[in-house]
């Protein structure tokens, strides 16, 4: 997978843009031990639309709030632990089926 960091400003919430075989994903990375809320999910939804990505995900070593889980489920945003990253391609493919 070819991945690159986005610009620090004007990315609409996306920190990383990755693509493989014509399938694209944007990631928002939250390096925190605090629980990640729905703001992060809302931001990556914006980043996904802005960058016309096929998939969106939030990545953190922390847990997610119930609100974040609810909006992610409704918007089909992946909520990942950083250890899930090696499996990103298969997780995206699973969402297609």
N, C-alpha and C. Protein backbone atom coordinates (compact mmCIF):
# COMPACT_ATOMS: atom_id res chain seq x y z
N UNK A 1 0.85 -1.17 0.00
CA UNK A 1 0.00 0.00 0.00
C UNK A 1 0.90 1.23 0.00
N UNK A 2 0.62 2.18 -0.86
CA UNK A 2 1.37 3.43 -0.94
C UNK A 2 0.69 4.44 -0.02
N UNK A 3 1.41 4.93 0.98
CA UNK A 3 0.83 5.86 1.95
C UNK A 3 1.70 7.09 2.08
N UNK A 4 1.02 8.22 2.32
CA UNK A 4 1.76 9.46 2.54
C UNK A 4 1.00 10.33 3.52
N UNK A 5 1.75 11.11 4.31
CA UNK A 5 1.14 12.06 5.22
C UNK A 5 0.53 13.20 4.40
N UNK A 6 -0.59 13.71 4.87
CA UNK A 6 -1.22 14.85 4.20
C UNK A 6 -0.58 16.13 4.72
N UNK A 7 -0.96 17.25 4.11
CA UNK A 7 -0.49 18.55 4.59
C UNK A 7 -0.99 18.77 6.02
N UNK A 8 -0.27 19.56 6.78
CA UNK A 8 -0.68 19.81 8.17
C UNK A 8 -1.95 20.64 8.27
N UNK A 9 -2.24 21.45 7.26
CA UNK A 9 -3.48 22.23 7.28
C UNK A 9 -4.20 22.05 5.96
N UNK A 10 -5.50 22.19 5.99
CA UNK A 10 -6.31 22.06 4.77
C UNK A 10 -6.61 20.64 4.37
N UNK A 11 -6.34 19.68 5.26
CA UNK A 11 -6.59 18.27 4.92
C UNK A 11 -7.97 17.81 5.36
N UNK A 12 -8.71 18.70 6.02
CA UNK A 12 -10.07 18.40 6.47
C UNK A 12 -10.15 17.20 7.41
N UNK A 13 -9.12 16.96 8.20
CA UNK A 13 -9.15 15.90 9.20
C UNK A 13 -8.37 14.65 8.83
N UNK A 14 -7.86 14.56 7.63
CA UNK A 14 -7.09 13.38 7.22
C UNK A 14 -5.62 13.61 7.50
N UNK A 15 -4.99 12.64 8.17
CA UNK A 15 -3.55 12.71 8.45
C UNK A 15 -2.74 11.91 7.44
N UNK A 16 -3.32 10.83 6.93
CA UNK A 16 -2.63 9.94 6.00
C UNK A 16 -3.58 9.59 4.87
N UNK A 17 -3.06 9.56 3.65
CA UNK A 17 -3.80 9.09 2.47
C UNK A 17 -3.03 7.88 1.95
N UNK A 18 -3.73 6.77 1.77
CA UNK A 18 -3.10 5.55 1.27
C UNK A 18 -3.92 4.99 0.12
N UNK A 19 -3.22 4.32 -0.81
CA UNK A 19 -3.89 3.75 -1.98
C UNK A 19 -3.18 2.47 -2.40
N UNK A 20 -3.98 1.51 -2.83
CA UNK A 20 -3.46 0.26 -3.39
C UNK A 20 -4.48 -0.28 -4.36
N UNK A 21 -4.03 -0.62 -5.56
CA UNK A 21 -4.90 -1.20 -6.59
C UNK A 21 -6.15 -0.36 -6.82
N UNK A 22 -6.00 0.96 -6.79
CA UNK A 22 -7.11 1.84 -7.07
C UNK A 22 -8.08 2.06 -5.93
N UNK A 23 -7.82 1.47 -4.78
CA UNK A 23 -8.67 1.64 -3.60
C UNK A 23 -7.95 2.59 -2.65
N UNK A 24 -8.65 3.64 -2.20
CA UNK A 24 -8.01 4.65 -1.36
C UNK A 24 -8.65 4.70 0.03
N UNK A 25 -7.84 5.10 1.00
CA UNK A 25 -8.30 5.24 2.38
C UNK A 25 -7.61 6.44 3.00
N UNK A 26 -8.36 7.17 3.82
CA UNK A 26 -7.78 8.26 4.61
C UNK A 26 -7.83 7.85 6.08
N UNK A 27 -6.79 8.24 6.80
CA UNK A 27 -6.68 7.90 8.21
C UNK A 27 -6.52 9.16 9.04
N UNK A 28 -7.18 9.17 10.18
CA UNK A 28 -6.89 10.18 11.19
C UNK A 28 -6.23 9.44 12.34
N UNK A 29 -5.07 9.92 12.75
CA UNK A 29 -4.27 9.26 13.78
C UNK A 29 -4.36 10.04 15.09
N UNK A 30 -4.73 9.35 16.13
CA UNK A 30 -4.85 9.96 17.46
C UNK A 30 -3.91 9.24 18.41
N UNK A 31 -2.76 9.86 18.68
CA UNK A 31 -1.79 9.27 19.60
C UNK A 31 -2.10 9.78 21.01
N UNK A 32 -2.96 9.04 21.69
CA UNK A 32 -3.43 9.45 23.01
C UNK A 32 -3.79 8.21 23.82
N UNK A 33 -3.80 8.38 25.13
CA UNK A 33 -4.30 7.33 26.01
C UNK A 33 -5.73 7.63 26.44
N UNK A 34 -6.21 8.82 26.07
CA UNK A 34 -7.58 9.22 26.41
C UNK A 34 -8.57 8.59 25.43
N UNK A 35 -9.77 8.38 25.86
CA UNK A 35 -10.80 7.82 25.00
C UNK A 35 -11.08 8.77 23.84
N UNK A 36 -11.17 8.23 22.63
CA UNK A 36 -11.40 9.04 21.42
C UNK A 36 -12.90 9.14 21.17
N UNK A 37 -13.38 10.38 20.99
CA UNK A 37 -14.80 10.63 20.83
C UNK A 37 -15.23 10.81 19.39
N UNK A 38 -16.50 11.21 19.22
CA UNK A 38 -17.08 11.29 17.89
C UNK A 38 -16.52 12.44 17.06
N UNK A 39 -15.85 13.43 17.67
CA UNK A 39 -15.25 14.52 16.90
C UNK A 39 -14.24 13.98 15.89
N UNK A 40 -13.43 13.01 16.31
CA UNK A 40 -12.44 12.42 15.41
C UNK A 40 -13.12 11.73 14.23
N UNK A 41 -14.23 11.06 14.49
CA UNK A 41 -14.97 10.38 13.41
C UNK A 41 -15.58 11.41 12.47
N UNK A 42 -16.16 12.46 13.02
CA UNK A 42 -16.73 13.51 12.18
C UNK A 42 -15.67 14.15 11.29
N UNK A 43 -14.49 14.36 11.85
CA UNK A 43 -13.42 14.98 11.07
C UNK A 43 -12.95 14.08 9.93
N UNK A 44 -12.83 12.78 10.17
CA UNK A 44 -12.34 11.90 9.10
C UNK A 44 -13.41 11.70 8.04
N UNK A 45 -14.68 11.81 8.41
CA UNK A 45 -15.75 11.77 7.40
C UNK A 45 -15.56 12.96 6.45
N UNK A 46 -15.27 14.12 7.01
CA UNK A 46 -15.00 15.30 6.18
C UNK A 46 -13.78 15.09 5.30
N UNK A 47 -12.73 14.53 5.90
CA UNK A 47 -11.51 14.25 5.13
C UNK A 47 -11.75 13.27 4.00
N UNK A 48 -12.57 12.26 4.25
CA UNK A 48 -12.90 11.27 3.23
C UNK A 48 -13.62 11.93 2.06
N UNK A 49 -14.59 12.76 2.36
CA UNK A 49 -15.33 13.45 1.30
C UNK A 49 -14.42 14.40 0.54
N UNK A 50 -13.62 15.19 1.27
CA UNK A 50 -12.74 16.17 0.66
C UNK A 50 -11.71 15.53 -0.27
N UNK A 51 -11.18 14.37 0.13
CA UNK A 51 -10.13 13.71 -0.66
C UNK A 51 -10.70 12.63 -1.57
N UNK A 52 -12.02 12.47 -1.62
CA UNK A 52 -12.69 11.47 -2.46
C UNK A 52 -12.14 10.07 -2.24
N UNK A 53 -11.92 9.72 -0.98
CA UNK A 53 -11.39 8.40 -0.64
C UNK A 53 -12.51 7.37 -0.56
N UNK A 54 -12.16 6.13 -0.85
CA UNK A 54 -13.13 5.04 -0.78
C UNK A 54 -13.47 4.66 0.66
N UNK A 55 -12.48 4.77 1.56
CA UNK A 55 -12.65 4.37 2.96
C UNK A 55 -12.05 5.40 3.88
N UNK A 56 -12.50 5.37 5.13
CA UNK A 56 -11.97 6.26 6.16
C UNK A 56 -11.80 5.47 7.45
N UNK A 57 -10.78 5.86 8.22
CA UNK A 57 -10.52 5.18 9.49
C UNK A 57 -9.90 6.14 10.48
N UNK A 58 -10.18 5.89 11.74
CA UNK A 58 -9.50 6.56 12.85
C UNK A 58 -8.62 5.51 13.50
N UNK A 59 -7.38 5.88 13.82
CA UNK A 59 -6.42 4.94 14.39
C UNK A 59 -5.90 5.51 15.71
N UNK A 60 -5.91 4.69 16.74
CA UNK A 60 -5.44 5.11 18.06
C UNK A 60 -5.04 3.90 18.89
N UNK A 61 -4.17 4.10 19.88
CA UNK A 61 -3.91 3.01 20.83
C UNK A 61 -4.97 2.98 21.95
N UNK A 62 -5.85 3.98 21.97
CA UNK A 62 -6.86 4.12 23.02
C UNK A 62 -8.17 3.45 22.64
N UNK A 63 -9.16 3.63 23.48
CA UNK A 63 -10.51 3.11 23.21
C UNK A 63 -11.36 4.23 22.62
N UNK A 64 -12.54 3.85 22.12
CA UNK A 64 -13.48 4.79 21.51
C UNK A 64 -14.73 4.92 22.38
N UNK A 65 -15.31 6.10 22.39
CA UNK A 65 -16.55 6.31 23.15
C UNK A 65 -17.70 5.62 22.42
N UNK A 66 -18.80 5.34 23.13
CA UNK A 66 -19.98 4.78 22.47
C UNK A 66 -20.48 5.70 21.34
N UNK A 67 -20.41 7.02 21.55
CA UNK A 67 -20.84 7.95 20.51
C UNK A 67 -20.00 7.83 19.25
N UNK A 68 -18.69 7.68 19.43
CA UNK A 68 -17.80 7.50 18.28
C UNK A 68 -18.13 6.20 17.56
N UNK A 69 -18.40 5.16 18.32
CA UNK A 69 -18.74 3.87 17.71
C UNK A 69 -20.05 3.96 16.93
N UNK A 70 -21.02 4.68 17.47
CA UNK A 70 -22.32 4.82 16.80
C UNK A 70 -22.18 5.55 15.47
N UNK A 71 -21.51 6.70 15.47
CA UNK A 71 -21.39 7.47 14.22
C UNK A 71 -20.50 6.74 13.22
N UNK A 72 -19.47 6.05 13.71
CA UNK A 72 -18.61 5.29 12.80
C UNK A 72 -19.39 4.17 12.12
N UNK A 73 -20.22 3.50 12.87
CA UNK A 73 -21.04 2.42 12.30
C UNK A 73 -21.98 2.97 11.23
N UNK A 74 -22.62 4.09 11.52
CA UNK A 74 -23.56 4.69 10.58
C UNK A 74 -22.87 5.20 9.32
N UNK A 75 -21.65 5.71 9.46
CA UNK A 75 -20.92 6.29 8.32
C UNK A 75 -19.94 5.31 7.68
N UNK A 76 -19.89 4.09 8.21
CA UNK A 76 -18.97 3.06 7.70
C UNK A 76 -17.51 3.51 7.78
N UNK A 77 -17.15 4.06 8.94
CA UNK A 77 -15.78 4.45 9.23
C UNK A 77 -15.17 3.37 10.11
N UNK A 78 -13.97 2.94 9.78
CA UNK A 78 -13.27 1.95 10.57
C UNK A 78 -12.68 2.61 11.82
N UNK A 79 -12.89 1.99 12.97
CA UNK A 79 -12.25 2.43 14.21
C UNK A 79 -11.20 1.39 14.54
N UNK A 80 -9.94 1.78 14.43
CA UNK A 80 -8.84 0.83 14.53
C UNK A 80 -7.93 1.11 15.71
N UNK A 81 -7.37 0.05 16.23
CA UNK A 81 -6.25 0.13 17.15
C UNK A 81 -5.01 0.14 16.27
N UNK A 82 -3.95 0.78 16.72
CA UNK A 82 -2.77 0.87 15.85
C UNK A 82 -2.23 -0.50 15.45
N UNK A 83 -2.49 -1.53 16.23
CA UNK A 83 -2.04 -2.88 15.88
C UNK A 83 -2.84 -3.48 14.72
N UNK A 84 -3.96 -2.85 14.35
CA UNK A 84 -4.78 -3.31 13.22
C UNK A 84 -4.21 -2.86 11.87
N UNK A 85 -3.29 -1.91 11.86
CA UNK A 85 -2.81 -1.34 10.59
C UNK A 85 -2.25 -2.36 9.60
N UNK A 86 -1.52 -3.40 10.04
CA UNK A 86 -1.06 -4.38 9.06
C UNK A 86 -2.20 -5.09 8.33
N UNK A 87 -3.40 -5.02 8.88
CA UNK A 87 -4.57 -5.70 8.30
C UNK A 87 -5.52 -4.72 7.60
N UNK A 88 -5.07 -3.50 7.36
CA UNK A 88 -5.94 -2.47 6.81
C UNK A 88 -6.56 -2.87 5.48
N UNK A 89 -5.76 -3.44 4.59
CA UNK A 89 -6.29 -3.83 3.28
C UNK A 89 -7.42 -4.84 3.41
N UNK A 90 -7.22 -5.87 4.23
CA UNK A 90 -8.28 -6.88 4.38
C UNK A 90 -9.50 -6.31 5.09
N UNK A 91 -9.31 -5.37 6.01
CA UNK A 91 -10.45 -4.74 6.68
C UNK A 91 -11.28 -3.93 5.69
N UNK A 92 -10.62 -3.22 4.79
CA UNK A 92 -11.33 -2.46 3.75
C UNK A 92 -12.07 -3.41 2.82
N UNK A 93 -11.44 -4.48 2.41
CA UNK A 93 -12.08 -5.45 1.52
C UNK A 93 -13.30 -6.05 2.19
N UNK A 94 -13.22 -6.30 3.49
CA UNK A 94 -14.34 -6.88 4.22
C UNK A 94 -15.54 -5.93 4.20
N UNK A 95 -15.27 -4.62 4.23
CA UNK A 95 -16.38 -3.66 4.19
C UNK A 95 -17.07 -3.64 2.84
N UNK A 96 -16.38 -4.06 1.80
CA UNK A 96 -16.98 -4.11 0.45
C UNK A 96 -17.98 -5.25 0.32
N UNK A 97 -17.80 -6.31 1.13
CA UNK A 97 -18.68 -7.47 0.99
C UNK A 97 -19.85 -7.45 1.93
